[in-house]
């Protein structure tokens, strides 16, 4: 199926939690092999966009496409089969399983059109600390190690599109730098990535494209270079100075 170079497309998406209208006519597209930074204040709708994409929250209206496939009303397992993986906010590793078991449980063959297969060896090569702790319970890992495990677990699904929700949250600066270096490597491998990030400077540094949400609506979109040149007033949308 022709994708026109688009990994993910949201078109006029409305989404609700109960009676609360959290996304209002949200439209944006993430290009294949590119990294899209999805930014906004707390409550802007960033995580909701991720949940709608992976099928955890059905869109009330609008359309979601992944590599040209309509996935708006599909269950999460069918969307995952098209090559979508999520690194959720808060890591959410299986704390009662070992590092190795966390990775194995997520293993999936590459989707059609996907790149080379990720395996335990590949994950351990990218994260040597996980290799050292392969038999350790995930509950006993540090926050940074749990984040590495969450990323490795997502890669075991051999995704074409990786969604990352606040990967730097709660981590020490040195660990944040390591995580961002890993994301850069994944981007350089040709993976399509949507990065939700509270720290706009991190996103501007690594992203190709930027979407800023404000109270459930798309406020600003554009190439990251535009934002790096400070031609957009970020205080209005993000509260940063």
C-alpha atoms as a PDB file:
ATOM      1  CA  UNK A   1       0.000   0.000   0.000  1.00  0.00           C
ATOM      2  CA  UNK A   2       1.322   3.455  -0.904  1.00  0.00           C
ATOM      3  CA  UNK A   3       2.149   5.569   2.135  1.00  0.00           C
ATOM      4  CA  UNK A   4       3.360   8.752   0.411  1.00  0.00           C
ATOM      5  CA  UNK A   5       6.232   8.780   2.872  1.00  0.00           C
ATOM      6  CA  UNK A   6       3.899   9.111   5.872  1.00  0.00           C
ATOM      7  CA  UNK A   7       4.380   6.799   8.860  1.00  0.00           C
ATOM      8  CA  UNK A   8       1.517   8.184  10.959  1.00  0.00           C
ATOM      9  CA  UNK A   9      -1.383  10.451  10.102  1.00  0.00           C
ATOM     10  CA  UNK A  10      -4.047  11.872  12.406  1.00  0.00           C
ATOM     11  CA  UNK A  11      -6.795  13.736  10.550  1.00  0.00           C
ATOM     12  CA  UNK A  12      -9.448  15.795  12.355  1.00  0.00           C
ATOM     13  CA  UNK A  13      -9.300  13.496  15.384  1.00  0.00           C
ATOM     14  CA  UNK A  14     -11.652  14.097  18.304  1.00  0.00           C
ATOM     15  CA  UNK A  15     -11.168  12.021  21.461  1.00  0.00           C
ATOM     16  CA  UNK A  16     -12.895  11.958  24.820  1.00  0.00           C
ATOM     17  CA  UNK A  17     -12.352  10.566  28.292  1.00  0.00           C
ATOM     18  CA  UNK A  18     -15.966  10.112  29.365  1.00  0.00           C
ATOM     19  CA  UNK A  19     -17.586  13.490  28.754  1.00  0.00           C
ATOM     20  CA  UNK A  20     -14.268  15.329  28.718  1.00  0.00           C
ATOM     21  CA  UNK A  21     -13.297  16.472  25.219  1.00  0.00           C
ATOM     22  CA  UNK A  22      -9.503  16.105  25.221  1.00  0.00           C
ATOM     23  CA  UNK A  23      -8.588  16.211  21.503  1.00  0.00           C
ATOM     24  CA  UNK A  24     -10.389  18.585  19.151  1.00  0.00           C
ATOM     25  CA  UNK A  25      -9.860  18.169  15.392  1.00  0.00           C
ATOM     26  CA  UNK A  26      -6.212  17.216  15.830  1.00  0.00           C
ATOM     27  CA  UNK A  27      -4.365  16.747  12.544  1.00  0.00           C
ATOM     28  CA  UNK A  28      -0.670  16.075  11.975  1.00  0.00           C
ATOM     29  CA  UNK A  29       1.563  13.668  10.080  1.00  0.00           C
ATOM     30  CA  UNK A  30       4.886  11.997  10.925  1.00  0.00           C
ATOM     31  CA  UNK A  31       7.131  11.227   7.983  1.00  0.00           C
ATOM     32  CA  UNK A  32       8.763   7.859   7.375  1.00  0.00           C
ATOM     33  CA  UNK A  33      12.303   7.760   8.731  1.00  0.00           C
ATOM     34  CA  UNK A  34      11.811  11.066  10.551  1.00  0.00           C
ATOM     35  CA  UNK A  35      11.472  12.057  14.194  1.00  0.00           C
ATOM     36  CA  UNK A  36       8.443  14.137  15.146  1.00  0.00           C
ATOM     37  CA  UNK A  37       8.557  15.964  18.468  1.00  0.00           C
ATOM     38  CA  UNK A  38       5.086  16.246  20.017  1.00  0.00           C
ATOM     39  CA  UNK A  39       5.108  18.971  22.653  1.00  0.00           C
ATOM     40  CA  UNK A  40       2.727  20.823  24.926  1.00  0.00           C
ATOM     41  CA  UNK A  41       2.006  21.693  28.527  1.00  0.00           C
ATOM     42  CA  UNK A  42       0.639  19.141  30.977  1.00  0.00           C
ATOM     43  CA  UNK A  43      -2.876  18.189  29.910  1.00  0.00           C
ATOM     44  CA  UNK A  44      -2.401  19.411  26.333  1.00  0.00           C
ATOM     45  CA  UNK A  45      -3.312  16.009  24.873  1.00  0.00           C
ATOM     46  CA  UNK A  46       0.081  14.519  24.025  1.00  0.00           C
ATOM     47  CA  UNK A  47      -0.386  11.157  25.741  1.00  0.00           C
ATOM     48  CA  UNK A  48      -3.947  11.005  24.437  1.00  0.00           C
ATOM     49  CA  UNK A  49      -2.577  11.207  20.879  1.00  0.00           C
ATOM     50  CA  UNK A  50      -0.353   8.221  21.677  1.00  0.00           C
ATOM     51  CA  UNK A  51      -3.256   6.272  23.165  1.00  0.00           C
ATOM     52  CA  UNK A  52      -5.441   6.989  20.139  1.00  0.00           C
ATOM     53  CA  UNK A  53      -2.665   5.895  17.772  1.00  0.00           C
ATOM     54  CA  UNK A  54      -2.133   2.523  19.451  1.00  0.00           C
ATOM     55  CA  UNK A  55      -5.844   1.851  19.959  1.00  0.00           C
ATOM     56  CA  UNK A  56      -6.008   2.241  23.745  1.00  0.00           C
ATOM     57  CA  UNK A  57      -8.506   5.086  23.320  1.00  0.00           C
ATOM     58  CA  UNK A  58     -10.754   5.000  20.223  1.00  0.00           C
ATOM     59  CA  UNK A  59     -11.155   8.289  18.389  1.00  0.00           C
ATOM     60  CA  UNK A  60     -14.721   9.553  18.512  1.00  0.00           C
ATOM     61  CA  UNK A  61     -14.296  11.242  15.130  1.00  0.00           C
ATOM     62  CA  UNK A  62     -11.578  11.587  12.519  1.00  0.00           C
ATOM     63  CA  UNK A  63      -9.117   9.132  11.002  1.00  0.00           C
ATOM     64  CA  UNK A  64      -5.833   7.537  12.032  1.00  0.00           C
ATOM     65  CA  UNK A  65      -3.553   5.883   9.471  1.00  0.00           C
ATOM     66  CA  UNK A  66      -0.308   3.969   9.964  1.00  0.00           C
ATOM     67  CA  UNK A  67       1.792   3.535   6.832  1.00  0.00           C
ATOM     68  CA  UNK A  68      -1.346   4.052   4.748  1.00  0.00           C
ATOM     69  CA  UNK A  69      -3.463   1.558   6.721  1.00  0.00           C
ATOM     70  CA  UNK A  70      -6.645   2.874   8.337  1.00  0.00           C
ATOM     71  CA  UNK A  71      -6.438   1.871  12.013  1.00  0.00           C
ATOM     72  CA  UNK A  72      -8.991   4.228  13.600  1.00  0.00           C
ATOM     73  CA  UNK A  73     -11.260   1.555  15.060  1.00  0.00           C
ATOM     74  CA  UNK A  74      -8.838  -1.360  15.284  1.00  0.00           C
ATOM     75  CA  UNK A  75      -7.844  -3.023  18.585  1.00  0.00           C
ATOM     76  CA  UNK A  76      -4.274  -2.522  19.853  1.00  0.00           C
ATOM     77  CA  UNK A  77      -3.001  -5.932  18.766  1.00  0.00           C
ATOM     78  CA  UNK A  78      -3.994  -5.307  15.133  1.00  0.00           C
ATOM     79  CA  UNK A  79      -2.388  -1.867  15.137  1.00  0.00           C
ATOM     80  CA  UNK A  80       0.789  -3.378  16.607  1.00  0.00           C
ATOM     81  CA  UNK A  81       0.826  -5.867  13.724  1.00  0.00           C
ATOM     82  CA  UNK A  82       1.288  -2.941  11.332  1.00  0.00           C
ATOM     83  CA  UNK A  83       4.595  -2.198  13.032  1.00  0.00           C
ATOM     84  CA  UNK A  84       3.687   0.198  15.855  1.00  0.00           C
ATOM     85  CA  UNK A  85       5.281   0.011  19.311  1.00  0.00           C
ATOM     86  CA  UNK A  86       4.861   2.261  22.344  1.00  0.00           C
ATOM     87  CA  UNK A  87       7.322   3.163  25.082  1.00  0.00           C
ATOM     88  CA  UNK A  88       4.721   4.282  27.639  1.00  0.00           C
ATOM     89  CA  UNK A  89       4.973   7.126  30.094  1.00  0.00           C
ATOM     90  CA  UNK A  90       6.252   5.862  33.428  1.00  0.00           C
ATOM     91  CA  UNK A  91       8.070   2.893  31.808  1.00  0.00           C
ATOM     92  CA  UNK A  92       5.538   0.258  32.957  1.00  0.00           C
ATOM     93  CA  UNK A  93       7.969  -2.637  32.850  1.00  0.00           C
ATOM     94  CA  UNK A  94       6.834  -5.968  34.273  1.00  0.00           C
ATOM     95  CA  UNK A  95       8.472  -5.681  37.679  1.00  0.00           C
ATOM     96  CA  UNK A  96       7.876  -9.305  38.678  1.00  0.00           C
ATOM     97  CA  UNK A  97       9.736 -10.558  35.578  1.00  0.00           C
ATOM     98  CA  UNK A  98      13.457 -10.561  34.909  1.00  0.00           C
ATOM     99  CA  UNK A  99      15.045  -8.250  32.364  1.00  0.00           C
ATOM    100  CA  UNK A 100      15.319 -11.127  29.892  1.00  0.00           C
ATOM    101  CA  UNK A 101      11.696 -12.164  30.435  1.00  0.00           C
ATOM    102  CA  UNK A 102      10.501  -8.571  29.909  1.00  0.00           C
ATOM    103  CA  UNK A 103      12.212  -8.560  26.535  1.00  0.00           C
ATOM    104  CA  UNK A 104      11.149 -12.024  25.389  1.00  0.00           C
ATOM    105  CA  UNK A 105       7.481 -11.440  26.172  1.00  0.00           C
ATOM    106  CA  UNK A 106       7.420  -8.555  23.668  1.00  0.00           C
ATOM    107  CA  UNK A 107       9.204 -10.329  20.809  1.00  0.00           C
ATOM    108  CA  UNK A 108       7.486 -10.065  17.432  1.00  0.00           C
ATOM    109  CA  UNK A 109       8.613 -10.707  13.870  1.00  0.00           C
ATOM    110  CA  UNK A 110       9.132  -7.562  11.769  1.00  0.00           C
ATOM    111  CA  UNK A 111       6.007  -6.191  10.090  1.00  0.00           C
ATOM    112  CA  UNK A 112       5.911  -6.135   6.305  1.00  0.00           C
ATOM    113  CA  UNK A 113       8.253  -3.411   5.144  1.00  0.00           C
ATOM    114  CA  UNK A 114      10.107  -3.444   8.466  1.00  0.00           C
ATOM    115  CA  UNK A 115      13.870  -3.320   8.854  1.00  0.00           C
ATOM    116  CA  UNK A 116      16.143  -6.053  10.167  1.00  0.00           C
ATOM    117  CA  UNK A 117      15.076  -8.101  13.156  1.00  0.00           C
ATOM    118  CA  UNK A 118      15.766  -6.942  16.692  1.00  0.00           C
ATOM    119  CA  UNK A 119      16.753  -9.745  19.042  1.00  0.00           C
ATOM    120  CA  UNK A 120      17.939 -10.130  22.617  1.00  0.00           C
ATOM    121  CA  UNK A 121      21.513  -9.849  21.390  1.00  0.00           C
ATOM    122  CA  UNK A 122      20.754  -6.588  19.578  1.00  0.00           C
ATOM    123  CA  UNK A 123      19.068  -5.074  22.631  1.00  0.00           C
ATOM    124  CA  UNK A 124      21.916  -6.157  24.903  1.00  0.00           C
ATOM    125  CA  UNK A 125      24.406  -4.689  22.442  1.00  0.00           C
ATOM    126  CA  UNK A 126      22.612  -1.340  22.577  1.00  0.00           C
ATOM    127  CA  UNK A 127      22.179  -1.488  26.370  1.00  0.00           C
ATOM    128  CA  UNK A 128      25.161  -3.329  27.932  1.00  0.00           C
ATOM    129  CA  UNK A 129      23.803  -2.633  31.424  1.00  0.00           C
ATOM    130  CA  UNK A 130      20.706  -4.680  30.614  1.00  0.00           C
ATOM    131  CA  UNK A 131      22.940  -7.518  29.500  1.00  0.00           C
ATOM    132  CA  UNK A 132      24.714  -7.398  32.871  1.00  0.00           C
ATOM    133  CA  UNK A 133      21.342  -7.537  34.635  1.00  0.00           C
ATOM    134  CA  UNK A 134      19.523  -9.963  32.352  1.00  0.00           C
ATOM    135  CA  UNK A 135      18.604 -12.290  35.231  1.00  0.00           C
ATOM    136  CA  UNK A 136      17.619  -9.520  37.650  1.00  0.00           C
ATOM    137  CA  UNK A 137      14.013  -8.673  38.481  1.00  0.00           C
ATOM    138  CA  UNK A 138      12.929  -5.465  36.758  1.00  0.00           C
ATOM    139  CA  UNK A 139      11.655  -4.121  40.088  1.00  0.00           C
ATOM    140  CA  UNK A 140      15.262  -3.869  41.267  1.00  0.00           C
ATOM    141  CA  UNK A 141      16.490  -1.758  38.329  1.00  0.00           C
ATOM    142  CA  UNK A 142      17.153   1.959  38.634  1.00  0.00           C
ATOM    143  CA  UNK A 143      14.825   4.394  36.885  1.00  0.00           C
ATOM    144  CA  UNK A 144      17.288   4.812  34.037  1.00  0.00           C
ATOM    145  CA  UNK A 145      17.693   1.072  33.630  1.00  0.00           C
ATOM    146  CA  UNK A 146      13.918   0.616  33.599  1.00  0.00           C
ATOM    147  CA  UNK A 147      13.704   3.235  30.831  1.00  0.00           C
ATOM    148  CA  UNK A 148      16.319   1.362  28.830  1.00  0.00           C
ATOM    149  CA  UNK A 149      14.330  -1.828  29.383  1.00  0.00           C
ATOM    150  CA  UNK A 150      11.124  -0.127  28.211  1.00  0.00           C
ATOM    151  CA  UNK A 151      12.864   0.989  25.026  1.00  0.00           C
ATOM    152  CA  UNK A 152      14.447  -2.420  24.503  1.00  0.00           C
ATOM    153  CA  UNK A 153      11.097  -4.135  25.048  1.00  0.00           C
ATOM    154  CA  UNK A 154       9.523  -1.920  22.379  1.00  0.00           C
ATOM    155  CA  UNK A 155      12.344  -2.694  19.955  1.00  0.00           C
ATOM    156  CA  UNK A 156      11.797  -6.453  20.471  1.00  0.00           C
ATOM    157  CA  UNK A 157       8.467  -5.899  18.702  1.00  0.00           C
ATOM    158  CA  UNK A 158      10.516  -4.909  15.626  1.00  0.00           C
ATOM    159  CA  UNK A 159       8.511  -1.740  14.974  1.00  0.00           C
ATOM    160  CA  UNK A 160       8.500   0.494  11.930  1.00  0.00           C
ATOM    161  CA  UNK A 161       6.984   3.288  14.015  1.00  0.00           C
ATOM    162  CA  UNK A 162       8.137   3.883  17.601  1.00  0.00           C
ATOM    163  CA  UNK A 163       6.056   6.075  19.907  1.00  0.00           C
ATOM    164  CA  UNK A 164       7.916   7.356  22.964  1.00  0.00           C
ATOM    165  CA  UNK A 165       5.970   9.047  25.764  1.00  0.00           C
ATOM    166  CA  UNK A 166       8.136  11.190  28.080  1.00  0.00           C
ATOM    167  CA  UNK A 167      11.290   9.011  28.008  1.00  0.00           C
ATOM    168  CA  UNK A 168      13.299  11.575  30.013  1.00  0.00           C
ATOM    169  CA  UNK A 169      10.744  11.913  32.810  1.00  0.00           C
ATOM    170  CA  UNK A 170      12.214  11.576  36.300  1.00  0.00           C
ATOM    171  CA  UNK A 171      15.727  10.725  35.132  1.00  0.00           C
ATOM    172  CA  UNK A 172      19.035  12.281  36.160  1.00  0.00           C
ATOM    173  CA  UNK A 173      20.652  14.518  33.512  1.00  0.00           C
ATOM    174  CA  UNK A 174      23.419  12.007  32.721  1.00  0.00           C
ATOM    175  CA  UNK A 175      20.853   9.243  32.154  1.00  0.00           C
ATOM    176  CA  UNK A 176      18.712  11.579  30.052  1.00  0.00           C
ATOM    177  CA  UNK A 177      21.750  12.188  27.830  1.00  0.00           C
ATOM    178  CA  UNK A 178      22.213   8.417  27.416  1.00  0.00           C
ATOM    179  CA  UNK A 179      18.550   7.881  26.558  1.00  0.00           C
ATOM    180  CA  UNK A 180      18.592  10.721  24.009  1.00  0.00           C
ATOM    181  CA  UNK A 181      21.753   9.292  22.433  1.00  0.00           C
ATOM    182  CA  UNK A 182      19.933   5.977  22.070  1.00  0.00           C
ATOM    183  CA  UNK A 183      16.959   7.698  20.431  1.00  0.00           C
ATOM    184  CA  UNK A 184      19.334   9.421  18.023  1.00  0.00           C
ATOM    185  CA  UNK A 185      20.835   6.046  17.062  1.00  0.00           C
ATOM    186  CA  UNK A 186      17.373   4.604  16.443  1.00  0.00           C
ATOM    187  CA  UNK A 187      16.496   7.590  14.278  1.00  0.00           C
ATOM    188  CA  UNK A 188      19.723   7.198  12.304  1.00  0.00           C
ATOM    189  CA  UNK A 189      18.803   3.559  11.663  1.00  0.00           C
ATOM    190  CA  UNK A 190      15.795   4.789   9.656  1.00  0.00           C
ATOM    191  CA  UNK A 191      13.117   4.148  12.268  1.00  0.00           C
ATOM    192  CA  UNK A 192      10.106   6.487  12.253  1.00  0.00           C
ATOM    193  CA  UNK A 193       9.684   8.015  15.731  1.00  0.00           C
ATOM    194  CA  UNK A 194       7.125  10.177  17.504  1.00  0.00           C
ATOM    195  CA  UNK A 195       8.640  11.629  20.676  1.00  0.00           C
ATOM    196  CA  UNK A 196       6.425  13.136  23.368  1.00  0.00           C
ATOM    197  CA  UNK A 197       8.637  15.256  25.573  1.00  0.00           C
ATOM    198  CA  UNK A 198       8.094  17.753  28.386  1.00  0.00           C
ATOM    199  CA  UNK A 199      11.537  19.277  27.848  1.00  0.00           C
ATOM    200  CA  UNK A 200      11.240  21.220  24.572  1.00  0.00           C
ATOM    201  CA  UNK A 201      14.979  21.805  24.285  1.00  0.00           C
ATOM    202  CA  UNK A 202      15.600  18.063  24.140  1.00  0.00           C
ATOM    203  CA  UNK A 203      13.001  17.671  21.413  1.00  0.00           C
ATOM    204  CA  UNK A 204      14.256  20.616  19.355  1.00  0.00           C
ATOM    205  CA  UNK A 205      17.759  19.179  19.487  1.00  0.00           C
ATOM    206  CA  UNK A 206      16.822  15.786  18.048  1.00  0.00           C
ATOM    207  CA  UNK A 207      13.577  16.233  16.070  1.00  0.00           C
ATOM    208  CA  UNK A 208      13.100  16.792  12.346  1.00  0.00           C
ATOM    209  CA  UNK A 209       9.591  18.157  12.800  1.00  0.00           C
ATOM    210  CA  UNK A 210       7.638  19.675  15.689  1.00  0.00           C
ATOM    211  CA  UNK A 211       3.947  19.698  16.620  1.00  0.00           C
ATOM    212  CA  UNK A 212       2.835  21.759  19.623  1.00  0.00           C
ATOM    213  CA  UNK A 213      -0.524  21.003  21.225  1.00  0.00           C
ATOM    214  CA  UNK A 214      -2.395  23.510  23.356  1.00  0.00           C
ATOM    215  CA  UNK A 215      -5.514  22.389  25.263  1.00  0.00           C
ATOM    216  CA  UNK A 216      -6.265  19.538  22.884  1.00  0.00           C
ATOM    217  CA  UNK A 217      -5.683  21.402  19.641  1.00  0.00           C
ATOM    218  CA  UNK A 218      -2.724  21.729  17.291  1.00  0.00           C
ATOM    219  CA  UNK A 219      -1.287  25.189  17.929  1.00  0.00           C
ATOM    220  CA  UNK A 220       1.929  25.183  15.880  1.00  0.00           C
ATOM    221  CA  UNK A 221       3.616  22.809  13.435  1.00  0.00           C
ATOM    222  CA  UNK A 222       6.797  23.120  11.448  1.00  0.00           C
ATOM    223  CA  UNK A 223      10.363  21.977  10.877  1.00  0.00           C
ATOM    224  CA  UNK A 224      12.432  21.779  14.050  1.00  0.00           C
ATOM    225  CA  UNK A 225      14.937  24.175  12.529  1.00  0.00           C
ATOM    226  CA  UNK A 226      12.309  26.914  12.718  1.00  0.00           C
ATOM    227  CA  UNK A 227      12.053  26.444  16.469  1.00  0.00           C
ATOM    228  CA  UNK A 228      15.803  26.172  16.941  1.00  0.00           C
ATOM    229  CA  UNK A 229      16.095  29.648  15.407  1.00  0.00           C
ATOM    230  CA  UNK A 230      13.695  30.967  18.084  1.00  0.00           C
ATOM    231  CA  UNK A 231      11.303  32.392  15.527  1.00  0.00           C
ATOM    232  CA  UNK A 232       8.313  31.011  17.460  1.00  0.00           C
ATOM    233  CA  UNK A 233       7.275  32.384  20.845  1.00  0.00           C
ATOM    234  CA  UNK A 234       7.350  29.249  22.987  1.00  0.00           C
ATOM    235  CA  UNK A 235       6.099  31.015  26.102  1.00  0.00           C
ATOM    236  CA  UNK A 236       2.594  31.220  24.670  1.00  0.00           C
ATOM    237  CA  UNK A 237       2.281  27.476  24.143  1.00  0.00           C
ATOM    238  CA  UNK A 238       4.740  25.822  26.504  1.00  0.00           C
ATOM    239  CA  UNK A 239       5.294  28.283  29.314  1.00  0.00           C
ATOM    240  CA  UNK A 240       9.068  28.243  28.752  1.00  0.00           C
ATOM    241  CA  UNK A 241      11.388  31.243  28.601  1.00  0.00           C
END
